[in-house]
Amino acid sequence: MPSDRKKPANALSPIDNSSIVDKIIDRIVKAISTGQFKVGEKLPSEFELMEELNVGRNSLREAMKILSALGVVDIRRGDGTYVCDHIAPTVFNPIIYSIIFQAESDPDMVEFRECMEEMVLRTAMKKATDGDIVHLSQIIKDIRRAYESGDKEKAAYLDYKFHVAIADICGNPYISKLVNGIYEIFSLSIEDTINTQELFDKAEGYHKEILRCIQEKDVKSIDAAVEKSMTFWHDKDN
């Protein structure tokens, strides 16, 4: 039974449980649904959105990555962010939302990623060509080149592309879409895993081991390679 006791004038307001990222997503989606931002239209710059919404850069970027994974916006590197031409209602499936808003370091999420990566690697291993191996090897070199030039954001983007390229080797559009969506969501945390030389060298080592497994079709080593990579990714958040 609710209390009719009058609250004091200086009573604390109830805590709003929704996160800043959730609020940004909600605001952008509402702006699109009301026609404030039209289909195909370029959104205001990152700085302008930060000013208008009074939010930080990391929160805004995370929200945009999620909206991109949902197919709501299209992030065009070096150009800007646009409202997608077609936003499918199915992107708001509650299962997808439960994955997106789950904490990255949650044990269930770590297990989910581990299972997904093992499945993708086993499939890619069966279908990889010599050209695919060369392509993956080049991405690893490009990641190091970007990192050593001081462009950690580009290095993180190429890291994301490395995993997407492995998924594309599978030749299955459903696998490609799943991996692309999941890694877009985690792309901000990728940059965190390479913020020091030591962390970068470890991450590069895991990439090379994954590439070796694919190249040599070393099925027995896949589980260990993925487990080490996931342990590294999980530990840096704790």
C-alpha atoms as a PDB file:
ATOM      1  CA  MET A   1       0.000   0.000   0.000  1.00  0.00           C
ATOM      2  CA  PRO A   2       1.578   3.311  -1.048  1.00  0.00           C
ATOM      3  CA  SER A   3       2.446   5.699   1.727  1.00  0.00           C
ATOM      4  CA  ASP A   4       0.688   9.062   1.873  1.00  0.00           C
ATOM      5  CA  ARG A   5       3.572  10.540   3.864  1.00  0.00           C
ATOM      6  CA  LYS A   6       4.521  13.881   2.392  1.00  0.00           C
ATOM      7  CA  LYS A   7       8.049  14.017   1.008  1.00  0.00           C
ATOM      8  CA  PRO A   8      10.341  16.693   2.420  1.00  0.00           C
ATOM      9  CA  ALA A   9      11.233  19.527   0.085  1.00  0.00           C
ATOM     10  CA  ASN A  10      14.839  18.363  -0.146  1.00  0.00           C
ATOM     11  CA  ALA A  11      13.988  14.692  -0.857  1.00  0.00           C
ATOM     12  CA  LEU A  12      16.230  12.949  -3.385  1.00  0.00           C
ATOM     13  CA  SER A  13      14.717  12.235  -6.775  1.00  0.00           C
ATOM     14  CA  PRO A  14      14.328   8.556  -7.726  1.00  0.00           C
ATOM     15  CA  ILE A  15      17.351   7.136  -9.515  1.00  0.00           C
ATOM     16  CA  ASP A  16      16.833   6.693 -13.236  1.00  0.00           C
ATOM     17  CA  ASN A  17      18.075   3.194 -14.061  1.00  0.00           C
ATOM     18  CA  SER A  18      18.419   3.748 -17.799  1.00  0.00           C
ATOM     19  CA  SER A  19      21.988   4.376 -18.897  1.00  0.00           C
ATOM     20  CA  ILE A  20      23.265   7.360 -20.839  1.00  0.00           C
ATOM     21  CA  VAL A  21      23.748   5.129 -23.882  1.00  0.00           C
ATOM     22  CA  ASP A  22      20.138   3.909 -23.662  1.00  0.00           C
ATOM     23  CA  LYS A  23      18.924   7.506 -23.476  1.00  0.00           C
ATOM     24  CA  ILE A  24      20.956   8.544 -26.514  1.00  0.00           C
ATOM     25  CA  ILE A  25      19.575   5.620 -28.513  1.00  0.00           C
ATOM     26  CA  ASP A  26      16.029   6.447 -27.441  1.00  0.00           C
ATOM     27  CA  ARG A  27      16.471  10.123 -28.366  1.00  0.00           C
ATOM     28  CA  ILE A  28      17.898   9.344 -31.818  1.00  0.00           C
ATOM     29  CA  VAL A  29      15.212   6.748 -32.602  1.00  0.00           C
ATOM     30  CA  LYS A  30      12.465   9.170 -31.552  1.00  0.00           C
ATOM     31  CA  ALA A  31      13.985  11.918 -33.688  1.00  0.00           C
ATOM     32  CA  ILE A  32      13.917   9.582 -36.690  1.00  0.00           C
ATOM     33  CA  SER A  33      10.384   8.329 -36.019  1.00  0.00           C
ATOM     34  CA  THR A  34       9.047  11.895 -35.704  1.00  0.00           C
ATOM     35  CA  GLY A  35      10.758  13.023 -38.896  1.00  0.00           C
ATOM     36  CA  GLN A  36      13.311  15.292 -37.238  1.00  0.00           C
ATOM     37  CA  PHE A  37      15.950  13.180 -38.976  1.00  0.00           C
ATOM     38  CA  LYS A  38      14.774  11.845 -42.319  1.00  0.00           C
ATOM     39  CA  VAL A  39      15.679   8.610 -44.097  1.00  0.00           C
ATOM     40  CA  GLY A  40      19.001   8.957 -45.904  1.00  0.00           C
ATOM     41  CA  GLU A  41      19.782  12.227 -44.125  1.00  0.00           C
ATOM     42  CA  LYS A  42      23.187  12.923 -42.625  1.00  0.00           C
ATOM     43  CA  LEU A  43      23.091  13.355 -38.855  1.00  0.00           C
ATOM     44  CA  PRO A  44      24.752  16.329 -37.137  1.00  0.00           C
ATOM     45  CA  SER A  45      28.467  15.942 -36.467  1.00  0.00           C
ATOM     46  CA  GLU A  46      29.721  14.077 -33.421  1.00  0.00           C
ATOM     47  CA  PHE A  47      30.612  17.356 -31.712  1.00  0.00           C
ATOM     48  CA  GLU A  48      27.181  18.856 -32.456  1.00  0.00           C
ATOM     49  CA  LEU A  49      25.384  15.796 -31.069  1.00  0.00           C
ATOM     50  CA  MET A  50      27.563  15.863 -27.955  1.00  0.00           C
ATOM     51  CA  GLU A  51      26.610  19.506 -27.439  1.00  0.00           C
ATOM     52  CA  GLU A  52      22.899  19.034 -28.183  1.00  0.00           C
ATOM     53  CA  LEU A  53      22.517  15.918 -26.027  1.00  0.00           C
ATOM     54  CA  ASN A  54      25.006  17.020 -23.358  1.00  0.00           C
ATOM     55  CA  VAL A  55      26.808  13.669 -23.415  1.00  0.00           C
ATOM     56  CA  GLY A  56      30.397  12.466 -23.663  1.00  0.00           C
ATOM     57  CA  ARG A  57      32.143  11.192 -26.784  1.00  0.00           C
ATOM     58  CA  ASN A  58      32.463   7.565 -25.629  1.00  0.00           C
ATOM     59  CA  SER A  59      28.770   7.273 -24.715  1.00  0.00           C
ATOM     60  CA  LEU A  60      27.729   8.811 -28.035  1.00  0.00           C
ATOM     61  CA  ARG A  61      30.036   6.536 -30.034  1.00  0.00           C
ATOM     62  CA  GLU A  62      28.809   3.443 -28.212  1.00  0.00           C
ATOM     63  CA  ALA A  63      25.192   4.421 -28.893  1.00  0.00           C
ATOM     64  CA  MET A  64      25.941   5.006 -32.572  1.00  0.00           C
ATOM     65  CA  LYS A  65      27.696   1.642 -32.867  1.00  0.00           C
ATOM     66  CA  ILE A  66      24.624  -0.064 -31.433  1.00  0.00           C
ATOM     67  CA  LEU A  67      22.293   1.856 -33.754  1.00  0.00           C
ATOM     68  CA  SER A  68      24.534   0.875 -36.658  1.00  0.00           C
ATOM     69  CA  ALA A  69      24.411  -2.794 -35.646  1.00  0.00           C
ATOM     70  CA  LEU A  70      20.624  -2.534 -35.493  1.00  0.00           C
ATOM     71  CA  GLY A  71      20.513  -1.113 -39.011  1.00  0.00           C
ATOM     72  CA  VAL A  72      19.196   2.277 -37.913  1.00  0.00           C
ATOM     73  CA  VAL A  73      22.180   4.399 -38.942  1.00  0.00           C
ATOM     74  CA  ASP A  74      25.033   3.976 -41.402  1.00  0.00           C
ATOM     75  CA  ILE A  75      28.457   5.084 -40.126  1.00  0.00           C
ATOM     76  CA  ARG A  76      30.630   6.084 -43.084  1.00  0.00           C
ATOM     77  CA  ARG A  77      34.232   6.447 -42.018  1.00  0.00           C
ATOM     78  CA  GLY A  78      35.593   9.857 -42.971  1.00  0.00           C
ATOM     79  CA  ASP A  79      32.185  11.103 -44.100  1.00  0.00           C
ATOM     80  CA  GLY A  80      29.713  10.986 -41.233  1.00  0.00           C
ATOM     81  CA  THR A  81      26.664   9.112 -39.976  1.00  0.00           C
ATOM     82  CA  TYR A  82      23.459   8.771 -41.988  1.00  0.00           C
ATOM     83  CA  VAL A  83      19.969   7.482 -41.261  1.00  0.00           C
ATOM     84  CA  CYS A  84      19.625   4.164 -43.100  1.00  0.00           C
ATOM     85  CA  ASP A  85      17.425   4.129 -46.196  1.00  0.00           C
ATOM     86  CA  HIS A  86      15.419   1.217 -44.844  1.00  0.00           C
ATOM     87  CA  ILE A  87      15.012   0.371 -41.166  1.00  0.00           C
ATOM     88  CA  ALA A  88      13.545  -3.105 -40.739  1.00  0.00           C
ATOM     89  CA  PRO A  89      11.209  -3.546 -37.744  1.00  0.00           C
ATOM     90  CA  THR A  90      12.846  -6.916 -37.070  1.00  0.00           C
ATOM     91  CA  VAL A  91      16.024  -5.216 -35.880  1.00  0.00           C
ATOM     92  CA  PHE A  92      14.214  -4.456 -32.635  1.00  0.00           C
ATOM     93  CA  ASN A  93      13.821  -8.153 -31.846  1.00  0.00           C
ATOM     94  CA  PRO A  94      14.055  -8.544 -28.031  1.00  0.00           C
ATOM     95  CA  ILE A  95      16.661 -11.300 -28.396  1.00  0.00           C
ATOM     96  CA  ILE A  96      18.966  -8.938 -30.274  1.00  0.00           C
ATOM     97  CA  TYR A  97      18.362  -6.255 -27.656  1.00  0.00           C
ATOM     98  CA  SER A  98      19.222  -8.652 -24.847  1.00  0.00           C
ATOM     99  CA  ILE A  99      22.568  -9.321 -26.536  1.00  0.00           C
ATOM    100  CA  ILE A 100      23.273  -5.676 -27.237  1.00  0.00           C
ATOM    101  CA  PHE A 101      22.560  -4.355 -23.755  1.00  0.00           C
ATOM    102  CA  GLN A 102      24.264  -7.188 -21.903  1.00  0.00           C
ATOM    103  CA  ALA A 103      27.441  -6.139 -20.098  1.00  0.00           C
ATOM    104  CA  GLU A 104      30.448  -7.050 -22.234  1.00  0.00           C
ATOM    105  CA  SER A 105      32.263  -8.709 -19.332  1.00  0.00           C
ATOM    106  CA  ASP A 106      29.223 -10.741 -18.233  1.00  0.00           C
ATOM    107  CA  PRO A 107      30.185 -14.470 -18.071  1.00  0.00           C
ATOM    108  CA  ASP A 108      27.259 -15.419 -20.320  1.00  0.00           C
ATOM    109  CA  MET A 109      28.364 -12.875 -22.925  1.00  0.00           C
ATOM    110  CA  VAL A 110      31.955 -14.136 -22.795  1.00  0.00           C
ATOM    111  CA  GLU A 111      30.695 -17.695 -23.291  1.00  0.00           C
ATOM    112  CA  PHE A 112      28.460 -16.574 -26.164  1.00  0.00           C
ATOM    113  CA  ARG A 113      31.357 -14.901 -27.968  1.00  0.00           C
ATOM    114  CA  GLU A 114      33.618 -17.882 -27.362  1.00  0.00           C
ATOM    115  CA  CYS A 115      31.078 -20.299 -28.872  1.00  0.00           C
ATOM    116  CA  MET A 116      30.440 -17.965 -31.807  1.00  0.00           C
ATOM    117  CA  GLU A 117      34.126 -17.509 -32.613  1.00  0.00           C
ATOM    118  CA  GLU A 118      34.874 -21.224 -32.411  1.00  0.00           C
ATOM    119  CA  MET A 119      32.012 -21.951 -34.812  1.00  0.00           C
ATOM    120  CA  VAL A 120      33.129 -19.254 -37.238  1.00  0.00           C
ATOM    121  CA  LEU A 121      36.777 -20.372 -37.181  1.00  0.00           C
ATOM    122  CA  ARG A 122      35.906 -24.026 -37.775  1.00  0.00           C
ATOM    123  CA  THR A 123      33.784 -23.061 -40.770  1.00  0.00           C
ATOM    124  CA  ALA A 124      36.335 -20.598 -42.169  1.00  0.00           C
ATOM    125  CA  MET A 125      39.089 -23.185 -41.810  1.00  0.00           C
ATOM    126  CA  LYS A 126      37.282 -25.514 -44.222  1.00  0.00           C
ATOM    127  CA  LYS A 127      36.805 -22.846 -46.883  1.00  0.00           C
ATOM    128  CA  ALA A 128      39.836 -20.535 -46.660  1.00  0.00           C
ATOM    129  CA  THR A 129      41.832 -20.093 -49.865  1.00  0.00           C
ATOM    130  CA  ASP A 130      45.429 -18.955 -50.276  1.00  0.00           C
ATOM    131  CA  GLY A 131      44.040 -15.545 -51.200  1.00  0.00           C
ATOM    132  CA  ASP A 132      42.074 -15.394 -47.949  1.00  0.00           C
ATOM    133  CA  ILE A 133      45.223 -16.162 -45.952  1.00  0.00           C
ATOM    134  CA  VAL A 134      47.108 -13.372 -47.731  1.00  0.00           C
ATOM    135  CA  HIS A 135      44.227 -10.962 -47.063  1.00  0.00           C
ATOM    136  CA  LEU A 136      44.087 -11.764 -43.333  1.00  0.00           C
ATOM    137  CA  SER A 137      47.867 -11.516 -43.053  1.00  0.00           C
ATOM    138  CA  GLN A 138      47.755  -8.082 -44.685  1.00  0.00           C
ATOM    139  CA  ILE A 139      45.095  -6.862 -42.252  1.00  0.00           C
ATOM    140  CA  ILE A 140      47.325  -7.875 -39.325  1.00  0.00           C
ATOM    141  CA  LYS A 141      50.188  -5.878 -40.866  1.00  0.00           C
ATOM    142  CA  ASP A 142      47.875  -2.908 -41.468  1.00  0.00           C
ATOM    143  CA  ILE A 143      46.743  -3.002 -37.827  1.00  0.00           C
ATOM    144  CA  ARG A 144      50.353  -2.716 -36.652  1.00  0.00           C
ATOM    145  CA  ARG A 145      51.097   0.043 -39.151  1.00  0.00           C
ATOM    146  CA  ALA A 146      48.099   2.057 -37.928  1.00  0.00           C
ATOM    147  CA  TYR A 147      49.015   1.500 -34.283  1.00  0.00           C
ATOM    148  CA  GLU A 148      52.653   2.499 -34.753  1.00  0.00           C
ATOM    149  CA  SER A 149      51.557   5.659 -36.572  1.00  0.00           C
ATOM    150  CA  GLY A 150      49.530   6.615 -33.489  1.00  0.00           C
ATOM    151  CA  ASP A 151      46.099   6.018 -35.031  1.00  0.00           C
ATOM    152  CA  LYS A 152      44.614   3.664 -32.423  1.00  0.00           C
ATOM    153  CA  GLU A 153      41.091   4.281 -33.678  1.00  0.00           C
ATOM    154  CA  LYS A 154      42.040   3.006 -37.140  1.00  0.00           C
ATOM    155  CA  ALA A 155      43.903   0.070 -35.598  1.00  0.00           C
ATOM    156  CA  ALA A 156      40.760  -0.870 -33.647  1.00  0.00           C
ATOM    157  CA  TYR A 157      38.659  -0.539 -36.807  1.00  0.00           C
ATOM    158  CA  LEU A 158      41.025  -2.861 -38.694  1.00  0.00           C
ATOM    159  CA  ASP A 159      40.907  -5.309 -35.775  1.00  0.00           C
ATOM    160  CA  TYR A 160      37.131  -5.381 -36.211  1.00  0.00           C
ATOM    161  CA  LYS A 161      37.594  -5.888 -39.983  1.00  0.00           C
ATOM    162  CA  PHE A 162      39.921  -8.838 -39.297  1.00  0.00           C
ATOM    163  CA  HIS A 163      37.138 -10.730 -37.525  1.00  0.00           C
ATOM    164  CA  VAL A 164      34.563  -9.733 -40.134  1.00  0.00           C
ATOM    165  CA  ALA A 165      36.910 -10.959 -42.892  1.00  0.00           C
ATOM    166  CA  ILE A 166      37.126 -14.365 -41.195  1.00  0.00           C
ATOM    167  CA  ALA A 167      33.325 -14.527 -41.079  1.00  0.00           C
ATOM    168  CA  ASP A 168      33.116 -13.602 -44.769  1.00  0.00           C
ATOM    169  CA  ILE A 169      35.383 -16.549 -45.628  1.00  0.00           C
ATOM    170  CA  CYS A 170      32.578 -18.832 -44.412  1.00  0.00           C
ATOM    171  CA  GLY A 171      30.519 -17.755 -47.417  1.00  0.00           C
ATOM    172  CA  ASN A 172      27.354 -17.691 -45.326  1.00  0.00           C
ATOM    173  CA  PRO A 173      25.469 -14.358 -45.234  1.00  0.00           C
ATOM    174  CA  TYR A 174      23.871 -15.171 -41.873  1.00  0.00           C
ATOM    175  CA  ILE A 175      27.256 -15.756 -40.247  1.00  0.00           C
ATOM    176  CA  SER A 176      28.620 -12.556 -41.800  1.00  0.00           C
ATOM    177  CA  LYS A 177      25.686 -10.481 -40.545  1.00  0.00           C
ATOM    178  CA  LEU A 178      25.868 -11.949 -37.037  1.00  0.00           C
ATOM    179  CA  VAL A 179      29.611 -11.383 -36.663  1.00  0.00           C
ATOM    180  CA  ASN A 180      29.457  -7.937 -38.249  1.00  0.00           C
ATOM    181  CA  GLY A 181      26.693  -6.871 -35.870  1.00  0.00           C
ATOM    182  CA  ILE A 182      28.328  -8.318 -32.759  1.00  0.00           C
ATOM    183  CA  TYR A 183      31.735  -6.797 -33.498  1.00  0.00           C
ATOM    184  CA  GLU A 184      30.241  -3.397 -34.293  1.00  0.00           C
ATOM    185  CA  ILE A 185      28.783  -3.458 -30.788  1.00  0.00           C
ATOM    186  CA  PHE A 186      32.149  -4.388 -29.258  1.00  0.00           C
ATOM    187  CA  SER A 187      34.266  -2.094 -31.424  1.00  0.00           C
ATOM    188  CA  LEU A 188      34.713   0.474 -28.636  1.00  0.00           C
ATOM    189  CA  SER A 189      36.112  -2.152 -26.291  1.00  0.00           C
ATOM    190  CA  ILE A 190      38.514  -3.278 -29.030  1.00  0.00           C
ATOM    191  CA  GLU A 191      40.281   0.078 -28.788  1.00  0.00           C
ATOM    192  CA  ASP A 192      40.640  -0.451 -25.026  1.00  0.00           C
ATOM    193  CA  THR A 193      42.463  -3.756 -25.612  1.00  0.00           C
ATOM    194  CA  ILE A 194      45.272  -2.032 -27.513  1.00  0.00           C
ATOM    195  CA  ASN A 195      45.760   1.124 -25.448  1.00  0.00           C
ATOM    196  CA  THR A 196      49.308   0.111 -24.422  1.00  0.00           C
ATOM    197  CA  GLN A 197      52.155  -1.491 -26.359  1.00  0.00           C
ATOM    198  CA  GLU A 198      52.026  -4.586 -24.147  1.00  0.00           C
ATOM    199  CA  LEU A 199      48.288  -5.077 -24.726  1.00  0.00           C
ATOM    200  CA  PHE A 200      48.684  -4.464 -28.447  1.00  0.00           C
ATOM    201  CA  ASP A 201      51.459  -7.051 -28.745  1.00  0.00           C
ATOM    202  CA  LYS A 202      49.303  -9.627 -26.940  1.00  0.00           C
ATOM    203  CA  ALA A 203      46.301  -8.906 -29.162  1.00  0.00           C
ATOM    204  CA  GLU A 204      48.481  -9.190 -32.264  1.00  0.00           C
ATOM    205  CA  GLY A 205      49.812 -12.518 -31.011  1.00  0.00           C
ATOM    206  CA  TYR A 206      46.274 -13.883 -30.713  1.00  0.00           C
ATOM    207  CA  HIS A 207      45.469 -12.704 -34.244  1.00  0.00           C
ATOM    208  CA  LYS A 208      48.546 -14.454 -35.609  1.00  0.00           C
ATOM    209  CA  GLU A 209      47.679 -17.659 -33.754  1.00  0.00           C
ATOM    210  CA  ILE A 210      44.134 -17.581 -35.143  1.00  0.00           C
ATOM    211  CA  LEU A 211      45.536 -17.035 -38.641  1.00  0.00           C
ATOM    212  CA  ARG A 212      47.959 -19.940 -38.168  1.00  0.00           C
ATOM    213  CA  CYS A 213      45.090 -22.225 -37.140  1.00  0.00           C
ATOM    214  CA  ILE A 214      43.165 -21.317 -40.293  1.00  0.00           C
ATOM    215  CA  GLN A 215      46.193 -21.608 -42.577  1.00  0.00           C
ATOM    216  CA  GLU A 216      47.332 -24.979 -41.201  1.00  0.00           C
ATOM    217  CA  LYS A 217      43.763 -26.217 -40.619  1.00  0.00           C
ATOM    218  CA  ASP A 218      44.770 -26.917 -37.040  1.00  0.00           C
ATOM    219  CA  VAL A 219      41.377 -27.890 -35.628  1.00  0.00           C
ATOM    220  CA  LYS A 220      42.828 -29.076 -32.310  1.00  0.00           C
ATOM    221  CA  SER A 221      44.274 -25.650 -31.484  1.00  0.00           C
ATOM    222  CA  ILE A 222      41.147 -23.601 -32.222  1.00  0.00           C
ATOM    223  CA  ASP A 223      39.551 -23.959 -28.793  1.00  0.00           C
ATOM    224  CA  ALA A 224      42.769 -22.966 -26.992  1.00  0.00           C
ATOM    225  CA  ALA A 225      43.360 -19.976 -29.296  1.00  0.00           C
ATOM    226  CA  VAL A 226      39.830 -18.643 -28.799  1.00  0.00           C
ATOM    227  CA  GLU A 227      39.913 -19.275 -25.048  1.00  0.00           C
ATOM    228  CA  LYS A 228      43.167 -17.301 -24.674  1.00  0.00           C
ATOM    229  CA  SER A 229      41.754 -14.453 -26.742  1.00  0.00           C
ATOM    230  CA  MET A 230      38.522 -14.367 -24.719  1.00  0.00           C
ATOM    231  CA  THR A 231      40.400 -14.521 -21.403  1.00  0.00           C
ATOM    232  CA  PHE A 232      42.536 -11.569 -22.505  1.00  0.00           C
ATOM    233  CA  TRP A 233      39.464  -9.595 -23.623  1.00  0.00           C
ATOM    234  CA  HIS A 234      37.581 -10.382 -20.398  1.00  0.00           C
ATOM    235  CA  ASP A 235      40.515  -9.680 -18.054  1.00  0.00           C
ATOM    236  CA  LYS A 236      41.225  -6.212 -19.441  1.00  0.00           C
ATOM    237  CA  ASP A 237      37.745  -5.167 -18.239  1.00  0.00           C
ATOM    238  CA  ASN A 238      38.359  -6.391 -14.687  1.00  0.00           C
END
